[in-house]
Amino acid sequence: MGLIATANRVPLPRVLGLVLMGQLGIAGYLLYADARDWYYGPRGGEVSPTITEPASPGDQRRRYLPTTVPSREGRPGGPVRLPTTMEDMAFTFEDTAEHGRVMLMSGFIAPGTSDRFEAALDGEEIDTIALHSPGGVVQEALRMGKLVREAEYDTLLTPDAACASACPLILFGGVERTVSRAAWVGMHQASFMEGQSFLTGAEAARQIQALQGQILDHTAEMGVDPRVQSHALQTPPEEVYYLLPEEVEEYGVATVLTE
């Protein structure tokens, strides 16, 4: 009775104004959260806290932190220098005895990265693309994977290198795919990034399903067993499923598995 009486004393325009202010407050917070995650999530940050125990059957999920990727203590890396930060993707070159002329692609896959990648290849004689990336924009990774295959490059993951989220789509593009047992290949569900928070549930579902169809087609076209994507589909975006070396081999993610 008291609540009803109180409500009756509040003018309707004022009630509607308070509701509108609350909705605007929620919208403002969501925009802030998106901006915060965009700035502090996939940009900047140290490569990783050490993971002291390797993934084992039944214990392959880890929290996904875009600014951190797993590494193992005591390993010097591979034939190309690994980065110490995760900024927007950088392209560096190094001549190696084992893999020829290598382009190391390290960092986050952002909007426009595939155009930068294509430009970086212009005039360069490349044999192998080495990867160290927490992932990023799926459409960019799909295009980069196709560019790798069209140019008939090999791909490489050295010890302690990580290729997670959208990054494996580039790895799959290699004609020969060399993966160290001490590298990390991580899979999870595709998700929306900034600017897409206000899609309806139905529209978001349609777009995600269409995108997943492109991912499955790309995986098969590159000669990798599409069953590997079942691990991605069962792993939410806030987690990563790290493939065991035997899974990397079984699904054809690697054509050559090294120590």
C-alpha atoms as a PDB file:
ATOM      1  CA  MET A   1       0.000   0.000   0.000  1.00  0.00           C
ATOM      2  CA  GLY A   2       2.772   2.407   0.897  1.00  0.00           C
ATOM      3  CA  LEU A   3       4.659   1.664  -2.303  1.00  0.00           C
ATOM      4  CA  ILE A   4       1.560   2.127  -4.437  1.00  0.00           C
ATOM      5  CA  ALA A   5       0.745   5.401  -2.747  1.00  0.00           C
ATOM      6  CA  THR A   6       4.287   6.671  -3.236  1.00  0.00           C
ATOM      7  CA  ALA A   7       4.268   5.713  -6.893  1.00  0.00           C
ATOM      8  CA  ASN A   8       0.978   7.517  -7.382  1.00  0.00           C
ATOM      9  CA  ARG A   9       2.491  10.733  -6.002  1.00  0.00           C
ATOM     10  CA  VAL A  10       5.385  10.728  -8.535  1.00  0.00           C
ATOM     11  CA  PRO A  11       4.407  12.451 -11.796  1.00  0.00           C
ATOM     12  CA  LEU A  12       4.550  10.142 -14.825  1.00  0.00           C
ATOM     13  CA  PRO A  13       6.949  12.383 -16.818  1.00  0.00           C
ATOM     14  CA  ARG A  14       9.379  12.262 -13.901  1.00  0.00           C
ATOM     15  CA  VAL A  15       9.153   8.435 -13.737  1.00  0.00           C
ATOM     16  CA  LEU A  16       9.827   8.198 -17.467  1.00  0.00           C
ATOM     17  CA  GLY A  17      12.704  10.640 -17.098  1.00  0.00           C
ATOM     18  CA  LEU A  18      14.268   8.526 -14.346  1.00  0.00           C
ATOM     19  CA  VAL A  19      13.918   5.364 -16.454  1.00  0.00           C
ATOM     20  CA  LEU A  20      15.502   7.136 -19.441  1.00  0.00           C
ATOM     21  CA  MET A  21      18.363   8.398 -17.296  1.00  0.00           C
ATOM     22  CA  GLY A  22      18.940   4.861 -16.010  1.00  0.00           C
ATOM     23  CA  GLN A  23      18.989   3.462 -19.532  1.00  0.00           C
ATOM     24  CA  LEU A  24      21.393   6.168 -20.663  1.00  0.00           C
ATOM     25  CA  GLY A  25      23.600   5.360 -17.683  1.00  0.00           C
ATOM     26  CA  ILE A  26      23.669   1.677 -18.610  1.00  0.00           C
ATOM     27  CA  ALA A  27      24.401   2.500 -22.254  1.00  0.00           C
ATOM     28  CA  GLY A  28      27.178   4.837 -21.197  1.00  0.00           C
ATOM     29  CA  TYR A  29      28.736   2.160 -19.013  1.00  0.00           C
ATOM     30  CA  LEU A  30      28.585  -0.404 -21.837  1.00  0.00           C
ATOM     31  CA  LEU A  31      30.293   2.027 -24.202  1.00  0.00           C
ATOM     32  CA  TYR A  32      32.936   2.731 -21.558  1.00  0.00           C
ATOM     33  CA  ALA A  33      33.463  -0.998 -20.980  1.00  0.00           C
ATOM     34  CA  ASP A  34      33.833  -1.632 -24.714  1.00  0.00           C
ATOM     35  CA  ALA A  35      36.346   1.199 -25.029  1.00  0.00           C
ATOM     36  CA  ARG A  36      38.243   0.015 -21.949  1.00  0.00           C
ATOM     37  CA  ASP A  37      38.411  -3.571 -23.211  1.00  0.00           C
ATOM     38  CA  TRP A  38      39.462  -2.395 -26.652  1.00  0.00           C
ATOM     39  CA  TYR A  39      42.281  -0.279 -25.250  1.00  0.00           C
ATOM     40  CA  TYR A  40      43.535  -2.497 -22.471  1.00  0.00           C
ATOM     41  CA  GLY A  41      42.604  -5.870 -23.926  1.00  0.00           C
ATOM     42  CA  PRO A  42      44.112  -6.532 -27.352  1.00  0.00           C
ATOM     43  CA  ARG A  43      46.657  -3.666 -27.245  1.00  0.00           C
ATOM     44  CA  GLY A  44      49.816  -3.533 -25.164  1.00  0.00           C
ATOM     45  CA  GLY A  45      50.824  -5.655 -22.217  1.00  0.00           C
ATOM     46  CA  GLU A  46      53.499  -8.191 -21.403  1.00  0.00           C
ATOM     47  CA  VAL A  47      53.647 -11.375 -23.421  1.00  0.00           C
ATOM     48  CA  SER A  48      52.862 -13.750 -20.600  1.00  0.00           C
ATOM     49  CA  PRO A  49      52.939 -14.934 -17.083  1.00  0.00           C
ATOM     50  CA  THR A  50      54.751 -18.259 -17.133  1.00  0.00           C
ATOM     51  CA  ILE A  51      52.644 -21.398 -17.457  1.00  0.00           C
ATOM     52  CA  THR A  52      54.657 -23.986 -15.577  1.00  0.00           C
ATOM     53  CA  GLU A  53      52.510 -27.005 -16.399  1.00  0.00           C
ATOM     54  CA  PRO A  54      51.838 -28.044 -20.002  1.00  0.00           C
ATOM     55  CA  ALA A  55      48.302 -28.703 -21.132  1.00  0.00           C
ATOM     56  CA  SER A  56      47.243 -32.290 -20.629  1.00  0.00           C
ATOM     57  CA  PRO A  57      44.176 -34.269 -21.736  1.00  0.00           C
ATOM     58  CA  GLY A  58      41.152 -32.893 -19.944  1.00  0.00           C
ATOM     59  CA  ASP A  59      43.077 -29.816 -18.762  1.00  0.00           C
ATOM     60  CA  GLN A  60      43.468 -27.762 -21.915  1.00  0.00           C
ATOM     61  CA  ARG A  61      41.421 -24.656 -21.233  1.00  0.00           C
ATOM     62  CA  ARG A  62      42.997 -21.469 -19.950  1.00  0.00           C
ATOM     63  CA  ARG A  63      41.582 -18.002 -19.418  1.00  0.00           C
ATOM     64  CA  TYR A  64      41.936 -15.877 -22.572  1.00  0.00           C
ATOM     65  CA  LEU A  65      43.810 -12.655 -21.938  1.00  0.00           C
ATOM     66  CA  PRO A  66      44.553 -10.980 -25.282  1.00  0.00           C
ATOM     67  CA  THR A  67      47.560  -9.158 -23.811  1.00  0.00           C
ATOM     68  CA  THR A  68      49.105 -12.393 -22.552  1.00  0.00           C
ATOM     69  CA  VAL A  69      49.998 -15.618 -24.286  1.00  0.00           C
ATOM     70  CA  PRO A  70      51.469 -18.705 -22.671  1.00  0.00           C
ATOM     71  CA  SER A  71      55.197 -19.279 -22.568  1.00  0.00           C
ATOM     72  CA  ARG A  72      57.415 -21.792 -20.841  1.00  0.00           C
ATOM     73  CA  GLU A  73      60.198 -20.826 -18.522  1.00  0.00           C
ATOM     74  CA  GLY A  74      63.760 -21.438 -19.646  1.00  0.00           C
ATOM     75  CA  ARG A  75      63.266 -21.619 -23.423  1.00  0.00           C
ATOM     76  CA  PRO A  76      65.214 -19.153 -25.581  1.00  0.00           C
ATOM     77  CA  GLY A  77      62.710 -19.051 -28.429  1.00  0.00           C
ATOM     78  CA  GLY A  78      63.312 -20.073 -32.009  1.00  0.00           C
ATOM     79  CA  PRO A  79      65.284 -18.989 -35.064  1.00  0.00           C
ATOM     80  CA  VAL A  80      63.511 -15.632 -35.024  1.00  0.00           C
ATOM     81  CA  ARG A  81      63.301 -13.271 -32.064  1.00  0.00           C
ATOM     82  CA  LEU A  82      59.978 -13.299 -30.230  1.00  0.00           C
ATOM     83  CA  PRO A  83      58.384 -10.017 -29.135  1.00  0.00           C
ATOM     84  CA  THR A  84      58.147  -8.831 -25.553  1.00  0.00           C
ATOM     85  CA  THR A  85      54.928  -6.846 -26.031  1.00  0.00           C
ATOM     86  CA  MET A  86      51.672  -7.364 -27.882  1.00  0.00           C
ATOM     87  CA  GLU A  87      50.961  -4.201 -29.856  1.00  0.00           C
ATOM     88  CA  ASP A  88      49.335  -4.003 -33.297  1.00  0.00           C
ATOM     89  CA  MET A  89      50.909  -6.612 -35.552  1.00  0.00           C
ATOM     90  CA  ALA A  90      54.505  -5.906 -36.551  1.00  0.00           C
ATOM     91  CA  PHE A  91      56.365  -7.443 -39.489  1.00  0.00           C
ATOM     92  CA  THR A  92      60.088  -8.123 -39.193  1.00  0.00           C
ATOM     93  CA  PHE A  93      62.433 -10.109 -41.395  1.00  0.00           C
ATOM     94  CA  GLU A  94      65.300 -12.465 -40.695  1.00  0.00           C
ATOM     95  CA  ASP A  95      67.388 -14.911 -42.719  1.00  0.00           C
ATOM     96  CA  THR A  96      67.636 -18.349 -41.138  1.00  0.00           C
ATOM     97  CA  ALA A  97      69.508 -21.484 -42.105  1.00  0.00           C
ATOM     98  CA  GLU A  98      66.553 -23.822 -41.535  1.00  0.00           C
ATOM     99  CA  HIS A  99      63.564 -21.830 -42.796  1.00  0.00           C
ATOM    100  CA  GLY A 100      65.088 -19.448 -45.318  1.00  0.00           C
ATOM    101  CA  ARG A 101      63.901 -15.859 -45.407  1.00  0.00           C
ATOM    102  CA  VAL A 102      61.401 -15.513 -42.550  1.00  0.00           C
ATOM    103  CA  MET A 103      58.816 -12.836 -41.909  1.00  0.00           C
ATOM    104  CA  LEU A 104      57.860 -12.783 -38.233  1.00  0.00           C
ATOM    105  CA  MET A 105      54.312 -11.545 -37.712  1.00  0.00           C
ATOM    106  CA  SER A 106      53.914 -10.639 -34.048  1.00  0.00           C
ATOM    107  CA  GLY A 107      51.065  -8.878 -32.306  1.00  0.00           C
ATOM    108  CA  PHE A 108      47.351  -8.246 -32.582  1.00  0.00           C
ATOM    109  CA  ILE A 109      45.336  -8.689 -35.798  1.00  0.00           C
ATOM    110  CA  ALA A 110      43.487  -5.373 -36.076  1.00  0.00           C
ATOM    111  CA  PRO A 111      41.213  -3.855 -38.718  1.00  0.00           C
ATOM    112  CA  GLY A 112      43.430  -3.160 -41.735  1.00  0.00           C
ATOM    113  CA  THR A 113      46.180  -5.611 -40.740  1.00  0.00           C
ATOM    114  CA  SER A 114      45.676  -7.705 -43.875  1.00  0.00           C
ATOM    115  CA  ASP A 115      46.268  -4.612 -46.058  1.00  0.00           C
ATOM    116  CA  ARG A 116      49.448  -3.832 -44.089  1.00  0.00           C
ATOM    117  CA  PHE A 117      50.532  -7.444 -44.452  1.00  0.00           C
ATOM    118  CA  GLU A 118      50.002  -7.383 -48.211  1.00  0.00           C
ATOM    119  CA  ALA A 119      51.978  -4.138 -48.484  1.00  0.00           C
ATOM    120  CA  ALA A 120      54.814  -5.548 -46.334  1.00  0.00           C
ATOM    121  CA  LEU A 121      55.163  -8.483 -48.729  1.00  0.00           C
ATOM    122  CA  ASP A 122      55.576  -6.255 -51.770  1.00  0.00           C
ATOM    123  CA  GLY A 123      59.072  -6.684 -53.190  1.00  0.00           C
ATOM    124  CA  GLU A 124      60.139  -9.140 -50.472  1.00  0.00           C
ATOM    125  CA  GLU A 125      61.389 -12.636 -51.184  1.00  0.00           C
ATOM    126  CA  ILE A 126      59.855 -14.699 -48.392  1.00  0.00           C
ATOM    127  CA  ASP A 127      60.017 -18.430 -47.725  1.00  0.00           C
ATOM    128  CA  THR A 128      58.292 -18.719 -44.349  1.00  0.00           C
ATOM    129  CA  ILE A 129      55.807 -16.806 -42.213  1.00  0.00           C
ATOM    130  CA  ALA A 130      56.469 -17.174 -38.466  1.00  0.00           C
ATOM    131  CA  LEU A 131      53.606 -16.294 -36.129  1.00  0.00           C
ATOM    132  CA  HIS A 132      53.274 -15.049 -32.564  1.00  0.00           C
ATOM    133  CA  SER A 133      49.836 -13.562 -32.031  1.00  0.00           C
ATOM    134  CA  PRO A 134      46.892 -13.609 -29.601  1.00  0.00           C
ATOM    135  CA  GLY A 135      44.494 -13.289 -32.547  1.00  0.00           C
ATOM    136  CA  GLY A 136      42.099 -10.474 -33.341  1.00  0.00           C
ATOM    137  CA  VAL A 137      39.718  -9.755 -36.212  1.00  0.00           C
ATOM    138  CA  VAL A 138      38.607 -12.992 -37.858  1.00  0.00           C
ATOM    139  CA  GLN A 139      37.915 -11.510 -41.307  1.00  0.00           C
ATOM    140  CA  GLU A 140      41.432 -10.047 -41.423  1.00  0.00           C
ATOM    141  CA  ALA A 141      42.946 -13.395 -40.425  1.00  0.00           C
ATOM    142  CA  LEU A 142      40.928 -15.229 -43.074  1.00  0.00           C
ATOM    143  CA  ARG A 143      42.226 -12.905 -45.780  1.00  0.00           C
ATOM    144  CA  MET A 144      45.806 -13.185 -44.518  1.00  0.00           C
ATOM    145  CA  GLY A 145      45.591 -16.976 -44.521  1.00  0.00           C
ATOM    146  CA  LYS A 146      44.441 -16.905 -48.135  1.00  0.00           C
ATOM    147  CA  LEU A 147      47.278 -14.517 -49.083  1.00  0.00           C
ATOM    148  CA  VAL A 148      49.784 -16.896 -47.481  1.00  0.00           C
ATOM    149  CA  ARG A 149      48.444 -19.842 -49.473  1.00  0.00           C
ATOM    150  CA  GLU A 150      48.265 -17.901 -52.753  1.00  0.00           C
ATOM    151  CA  ALA A 151      51.926 -16.951 -52.365  1.00  0.00           C
ATOM    152  CA  GLU A 152      52.777 -20.574 -51.426  1.00  0.00           C
ATOM    153  CA  TYR A 153      54.586 -19.620 -48.225  1.00  0.00           C
ATOM    154  CA  ASP A 154      55.250 -22.020 -45.394  1.00  0.00           C
ATOM    155  CA  THR A 155      54.160 -21.143 -41.845  1.00  0.00           C
ATOM    156  CA  LEU A 156      56.035 -21.639 -38.589  1.00  0.00           C
ATOM    157  CA  LEU A 157      55.493 -21.693 -34.837  1.00  0.00           C
ATOM    158  CA  THR A 158      58.784 -21.776 -32.923  1.00  0.00           C
ATOM    159  CA  PRO A 159      59.187 -22.896 -29.287  1.00  0.00           C
ATOM    160  CA  ASP A 160      57.229 -20.570 -26.985  1.00  0.00           C
ATOM    161  CA  ALA A 161      55.424 -18.943 -29.890  1.00  0.00           C
ATOM    162  CA  ALA A 162      51.651 -18.714 -29.490  1.00  0.00           C
ATOM    163  CA  CYS A 163      48.942 -18.602 -32.101  1.00  0.00           C
ATOM    164  CA  ALA A 164      45.512 -18.201 -30.545  1.00  0.00           C
ATOM    165  CA  SER A 165      41.984 -17.139 -31.412  1.00  0.00           C
ATOM    166  CA  ALA A 166      41.965 -15.970 -35.075  1.00  0.00           C
ATOM    167  CA  CYS A 167      45.703 -16.557 -35.579  1.00  0.00           C
ATOM    168  CA  PRO A 168      45.428 -20.268 -36.535  1.00  0.00           C
ATOM    169  CA  LEU A 169      43.513 -19.194 -39.647  1.00  0.00           C
ATOM    170  CA  ILE A 170      46.791 -17.675 -40.867  1.00  0.00           C
ATOM    171  CA  LEU A 171      48.815 -20.681 -39.724  1.00  0.00           C
ATOM    172  CA  PHE A 172      46.531 -22.965 -41.772  1.00  0.00           C
ATOM    173  CA  GLY A 173      47.485 -21.036 -44.925  1.00  0.00           C
ATOM    174  CA  GLY A 174      51.017 -22.437 -45.013  1.00  0.00           C
ATOM    175  CA  VAL A 175      51.816 -25.019 -47.665  1.00  0.00           C
ATOM    176  CA  GLU A 176      54.098 -26.653 -45.103  1.00  0.00           C
ATOM    177  CA  ARG A 177      53.167 -25.902 -41.506  1.00  0.00           C
ATOM    178  CA  THR A 178      55.961 -26.440 -38.985  1.00  0.00           C
ATOM    179  CA  VAL A 179      54.837 -26.333 -35.351  1.00  0.00           C
ATOM    180  CA  SER A 180      57.024 -26.883 -32.303  1.00  0.00           C
ATOM    181  CA  ARG A 181      55.723 -29.147 -29.558  1.00  0.00           C
ATOM    182  CA  ALA A 182      56.651 -26.262 -27.230  1.00  0.00           C
ATOM    183  CA  ALA A 183      54.443 -23.767 -29.105  1.00  0.00           C
ATOM    184  CA  TRP A 184      50.808 -23.022 -28.270  1.00  0.00           C
ATOM    185  CA  VAL A 185      47.865 -23.252 -30.678  1.00  0.00           C
ATOM    186  CA  GLY A 186      44.688 -21.922 -29.064  1.00  0.00           C
ATOM    187  CA  MET A 187      41.080 -22.144 -30.250  1.00  0.00           C
ATOM    188  CA  HIS A 188      37.834 -20.529 -29.118  1.00  0.00           C
ATOM    189  CA  GLN A 189      34.503 -19.262 -30.397  1.00  0.00           C
ATOM    190  CA  ALA A 190      34.357 -16.252 -32.685  1.00  0.00           C
ATOM    191  CA  SER A 191      32.924 -13.150 -31.034  1.00  0.00           C
ATOM    192  CA  PHE A 192      32.067  -9.550 -31.839  1.00  0.00           C
ATOM    193  CA  MET A 193      34.398  -6.677 -31.106  1.00  0.00           C
ATOM    194  CA  GLU A 194      33.855  -2.955 -30.642  1.00  0.00           C
ATOM    195  CA  GLY A 195      31.048  -1.240 -32.498  1.00  0.00           C
ATOM    196  CA  GLN A 196      28.871  -4.349 -32.579  1.00  0.00           C
ATOM    197  CA  SER A 197      27.417  -4.339 -29.056  1.00  0.00           C
ATOM    198  CA  PHE A 198      23.898  -3.254 -30.061  1.00  0.00           C
ATOM    199  CA  LEU A 199      23.027  -6.008 -32.540  1.00  0.00           C
ATOM    200  CA  THR A 200      19.866  -7.905 -31.696  1.00  0.00           C
ATOM    201  CA  GLY A 201      20.343 -11.435 -30.441  1.00  0.00           C
ATOM    202  CA  ALA A 202      18.894 -12.892 -33.634  1.00  0.00           C
ATOM    203  CA  GLU A 203      21.101 -10.770 -35.899  1.00  0.00           C
ATOM    204  CA  ALA A 204      24.199 -11.534 -33.832  1.00  0.00           C
ATOM    205  CA  ALA A 205      23.422 -15.268 -34.040  1.00  0.00           C
ATOM    206  CA  ARG A 206      22.996 -15.061 -37.832  1.00  0.00           C
ATOM    207  CA  GLN A 207      26.279 -13.199 -38.291  1.00  0.00           C
ATOM    208  CA  ILE A 208      28.228 -15.504 -35.991  1.00  0.00           C
ATOM    209  CA  GLN A 209      26.885 -18.589 -37.780  1.00  0.00           C
ATOM    210  CA  ALA A 210      27.773 -17.133 -41.183  1.00  0.00           C
ATOM    211  CA  LEU A 211      31.260 -16.294 -39.935  1.00  0.00           C
ATOM    212  CA  GLN A 212      31.688 -19.783 -38.501  1.00  0.00           C
ATOM    213  CA  GLY A 213      30.731 -21.187 -41.907  1.00  0.00           C
ATOM    214  CA  GLN A 214      33.540 -19.158 -43.494  1.00  0.00           C
ATOM    215  CA  ILE A 215      35.969 -20.430 -40.851  1.00  0.00           C
ATOM    216  CA  LEU A 216      35.015 -24.068 -41.515  1.00  0.00           C
ATOM    217  CA  ASP A 217      35.303 -23.594 -45.290  1.00  0.00           C
ATOM    218  CA  HIS A 218      38.711 -21.948 -44.914  1.00  0.00           C
ATOM    219  CA  THR A 219      39.974 -24.691 -42.595  1.00  0.00           C
ATOM    220  CA  ALA A 220      38.960 -27.414 -45.070  1.00  0.00           C
ATOM    221  CA  GLU A 221      40.291 -25.523 -48.095  1.00  0.00           C
ATOM    222  CA  MET A 222      43.694 -25.211 -46.430  1.00  0.00           C
ATOM    223  CA  GLY A 223      43.851 -28.987 -45.952  1.00  0.00           C
ATOM    224  CA  VAL A 224      43.300 -28.956 -42.175  1.00  0.00           C
ATOM    225  CA  ASP A 225      40.729 -31.310 -40.663  1.00  0.00           C
ATOM    226  CA  PRO A 226      37.624 -29.171 -39.941  1.00  0.00           C
ATOM    227  CA  ARG A 227      37.040 -31.252 -36.786  1.00  0.00           C
ATOM    228  CA  VAL A 228      39.644 -29.046 -35.108  1.00  0.00           C
ATOM    229  CA  GLN A 229      37.002 -26.324 -35.078  1.00  0.00           C
ATOM    230  CA  SER A 230      34.818 -28.416 -32.765  1.00  0.00           C
ATOM    231  CA  HIS A 231      37.159 -27.405 -29.945  1.00  0.00           C
ATOM    232  CA  ALA A 232      36.663 -23.750 -30.865  1.00  0.00           C
ATOM    233  CA  LEU A 233      32.884 -24.112 -30.985  1.00  0.00           C
ATOM    234  CA  GLN A 234      32.818 -25.627 -27.493  1.00  0.00           C
ATOM    235  CA  THR A 235      35.081 -23.005 -25.914  1.00  0.00           C
ATOM    236  CA  PRO A 236      33.614 -19.587 -24.979  1.00  0.00           C
ATOM    237  CA  PRO A 237      35.446 -16.431 -26.102  1.00  0.00           C
ATOM    238  CA  GLU A 238      36.724 -15.708 -22.596  1.00  0.00           C
ATOM    239  CA  GLU A 239      38.648 -19.004 -22.591  1.00  0.00           C
ATOM    240  CA  VAL A 240      41.098 -20.734 -24.943  1.00  0.00           C
ATOM    241  CA  TYR A 241      41.423 -24.443 -25.679  1.00  0.00           C
ATOM    242  CA  TYR A 242      45.099 -25.248 -26.274  1.00  0.00           C
ATOM    243  CA  LEU A 243      45.699 -28.156 -28.626  1.00  0.00           C
ATOM    244  CA  LEU A 244      47.965 -30.949 -27.470  1.00  0.00           C
ATOM    245  CA  PRO A 245      50.863 -31.811 -29.824  1.00  0.00           C
ATOM    246  CA  GLU A 246      49.088 -35.046 -30.790  1.00  0.00           C
ATOM    247  CA  GLU A 247      45.991 -33.015 -31.751  1.00  0.00           C
ATOM    248  CA  VAL A 248      48.117 -30.586 -33.760  1.00  0.00           C
ATOM    249  CA  GLU A 249      49.366 -33.631 -35.669  1.00  0.00           C
ATOM    250  CA  GLU A 250      46.070 -35.516 -35.838  1.00  0.00           C
ATOM    251  CA  TYR A 251      44.110 -32.616 -37.354  1.00  0.00           C
ATOM    252  CA  GLY A 252      46.853 -31.681 -39.810  1.00  0.00           C
ATOM    253  CA  VAL A 253      47.390 -28.283 -38.170  1.00  0.00           C
ATOM    254  CA  ALA A 254      51.098 -29.104 -38.576  1.00  0.00           C
ATOM    255  CA  THR A 255      52.550 -30.930 -41.521  1.00  0.00           C
ATOM    256  CA  VAL A 256      55.823 -31.050 -39.579  1.00  0.00           C
ATOM    257  CA  LEU A 257      55.894 -31.345 -35.774  1.00  0.00           C
ATOM    258  CA  THR A 258      59.241 -30.479 -34.161  1.00  0.00           C
ATOM    259  CA  GLU A 259      60.629 -30.307 -30.647  1.00  0.00           C
END
